[in-house]
Protein backbone atom coordinates (compact mmCIF):
# COMPACT_ATOMS: atom_id res chain seq x y z
CA MET A 1 4.95 10.45 -5.39
CA LYS A 2 3.85 12.89 -7.98
CA GLU A 3 7.55 13.25 -9.60
CA THR A 4 9.22 10.88 -11.99
CA ALA A 5 7.32 7.89 -12.96
CA LYS A 6 6.13 6.78 -9.49
CA LEU A 7 2.30 7.16 -10.48
CA TYR A 8 3.00 4.90 -13.42
CA ILE A 9 4.69 2.39 -11.07
CA LEU A 10 1.73 2.56 -8.85
CA ARG A 11 -0.59 1.94 -11.74
CA ASN A 12 1.49 -1.09 -12.92
CA ILE A 13 1.54 -2.53 -9.37
CA LEU A 14 -2.08 -2.24 -9.22
CA HIS A 15 -2.36 -4.28 -12.57
CA GLU A 16 0.05 -6.81 -11.17
CA ILE A 17 -2.17 -7.33 -8.24
CA GLU A 18 -5.18 -7.69 -10.51
CA GLN A 19 -3.20 -10.30 -12.74
CA PHE A 20 -2.15 -12.14 -9.63
CA LYS A 21 -5.99 -12.38 -8.68
CA ARG A 22 -7.11 -13.14 -12.18
CA LEU A 23 -4.65 -15.97 -12.63
CA LYS A 24 -6.23 -17.41 -9.34
CA LEU A 25 -2.96 -17.48 -7.70
CA ALA A 26 -4.96 -16.33 -4.58
CA ASP A 27 -8.65 -15.52 -3.93
CA PHE A 28 -9.31 -12.09 -2.37
CA THR A 29 -11.19 -8.77 -2.96
CA PHE A 30 -9.21 -5.67 -2.82
CA LYS A 31 -10.10 -1.98 -2.36
CA ILE A 32 -7.88 1.01 -3.02
CA PHE A 33 -7.48 3.80 -0.65
CA ALA A 34 -5.54 6.92 -1.24
CA VAL A 35 -4.22 8.27 2.05
CA ASN A 36 -2.54 11.76 2.24
CA SER A 37 -4.30 14.61 4.27
CA GLU A 38 -7.55 12.52 3.91
CA MET A 39 -8.44 9.03 3.06
CA THR A 40 -10.38 8.32 -0.17
CA GLU A 41 -11.49 5.08 -1.50
CA ILE A 42 -10.61 5.07 -5.18
CA PRO A 43 -13.16 3.13 -7.49
CA TRP A 44 -11.72 0.83 -9.91
CA ASN A 45 -13.17 -2.01 -12.08
CA VAL A 46 -10.32 -4.31 -12.59
CA ASP A 47 -11.35 -4.89 -16.16
CA GLU A 48 -10.60 -1.41 -17.08
CA GLU A 49 -7.57 0.71 -17.20
CA PHE A 50 -6.56 2.26 -13.89
CA ASP A 51 -7.08 6.09 -14.14
CA ILE A 52 -3.95 7.39 -12.35
CA SER A 53 -5.64 10.92 -12.36
CA LEU A 54 -7.72 9.70 -9.28
CA ILE A 55 -4.62 9.61 -7.23
CA HIS A 56 -3.52 12.88 -5.80
CA CYS A 57 -0.02 12.78 -4.35
CA ASN A 58 0.63 16.34 -3.52
CA LYS A 59 0.24 16.14 0.22
CA SER A 60 1.89 14.37 3.14
CA PHE A 61 0.76 11.03 4.43
CA ASP A 62 -1.21 11.28 7.64
CA ALA A 63 -0.88 7.76 9.08
CA THR A 64 -3.43 8.59 11.89
CA LEU A 65 -6.16 8.15 9.22
CA LEU A 66 -5.21 4.43 8.89
CA ASN A 67 -7.20 4.05 12.20
CA LYS A 68 -10.44 4.39 10.19
CA LEU A 69 -9.72 1.07 8.41
CA PRO A 70 -11.35 -2.00 9.72
CA PRO A 71 -9.17 -4.21 11.85
CA ALA A 72 -6.69 -6.53 9.97
CA GLU A 73 -8.41 -9.76 11.06
CA ASN A 74 -10.95 -8.90 8.34
CA ALA A 75 -8.47 -7.88 5.71
CA ARG A 76 -4.89 -7.68 4.60
CA TYR A 77 -3.16 -4.34 4.04
CA LEU A 78 -0.59 -3.66 1.50
CA LEU A 79 0.76 -0.15 1.74
CA LEU A 80 2.19 1.31 -1.38
CA SER A 81 4.46 4.39 -0.65
CA ASP A 82 7.32 6.45 -1.61
CA GLY A 83 7.19 7.57 2.01
CA CYS A 84 9.81 9.10 4.21
CA TRP A 85 8.98 7.78 7.50
CA SER A 86 12.02 8.51 9.61
CA GLY A 87 11.84 9.88 13.11
CA PRO A 88 8.56 11.17 14.66
CA ARG A 89 6.81 10.96 11.25
CA ASN A 90 6.76 7.20 11.40
CA THR A 91 5.24 7.02 15.01
CA PRO A 92 1.49 6.90 14.03
CA LEU A 93 2.32 4.40 11.30
CA ARG A 94 4.36 2.23 13.63
CA SER A 95 1.44 2.44 16.20
CA TRP A 96 -1.11 1.46 13.75
CA ILE A 97 0.95 -1.42 12.39
CA SER A 98 1.66 -2.63 16.05
CA LYS A 99 -2.17 -3.00 16.45
CA GLN A 100 -2.40 -5.32 13.48
CA PRO A 101 -1.96 -9.22 13.81
CA GLN A 102 1.54 -10.38 12.71
CA ASN A 103 2.07 -10.39 8.96
CA PHE A 104 -1.34 -8.83 8.07
CA VAL A 105 0.46 -5.67 6.95
CA ARG A 106 2.93 -5.36 4.15
CA ILE A 107 4.74 -2.28 2.67
CA LEU A 108 5.68 -1.98 -0.88
CA LYS A 109 8.15 0.79 -1.34
CA ILE A 110 8.04 2.84 -4.49
CA GLY A 111 11.40 4.82 -5.43
CA ALA A 112 14.68 5.13 -3.93
CA ASP A 113 13.88 7.96 -1.63
CA TYR A 114 11.87 5.75 0.52
CA THR A 115 13.52 5.39 4.03
CA ASP A 116 13.45 1.95 5.49
CA PRO A 117 12.18 1.91 8.98
CA ARG A 118 12.03 -1.56 10.68
CA PHE A 119 8.50 -2.56 11.56
CA GLU A 120 8.30 -5.60 13.88
CA THR A 121 5.05 -7.08 12.73
CA CYS A 122 5.18 -6.39 8.76
CA LYS A 123 7.59 -6.96 5.94
CA VAL A 124 8.76 -4.31 3.39
CA PHE A 125 9.33 -5.23 -0.19
CA ASP A 126 10.59 -3.31 -3.09
CA ALA A 127 8.05 -2.52 -5.80
CA GLU A 128 9.56 -4.82 -8.37
CA ASN A 129 9.01 -7.84 -5.81
CA ILE A 130 5.22 -7.39 -5.87
CA PHE A 131 4.69 -10.98 -6.37
CA ALA A 132 7.03 -12.19 -3.60
CA ALA A 133 4.99 -9.79 -1.31
CA LEU A 134 1.79 -11.38 -2.33
CA ASP A 135 2.87 -15.03 -2.50
CA ASN A 136 1.44 -17.20 0.33
CA TRP A 137 0.03 -14.15 2.02
CA PHE A 138 -3.74 -15.05 1.66
């Protein structure tokens, strides 16, 4: 995700989520986790500019790290990715998603190089459809 403007798209999406919350279109708290070869919680005060230097996008995504997250019955998970998850690379992700309740996971794809695997229990949205992804989800 480090090439082109994908980090800026990511930053804009985070601000759109914050605006969605601020306009009281839904009541939720959210945390940001960066997942590549390790999982890191990204601190962010929604009243401040998001520092994109906190995101390190130079490694592959290890979906097995998602197992460290609490079960989805306590949360909703919105995955933002430019991921290429075809073939065996999507098996850990598919396994994690299948363990979550129906419609508790949504994927927001960033960039044209995203391969679009079909997941039975979650929906996949284009980045420009962030509000459609959030609408009536909480």
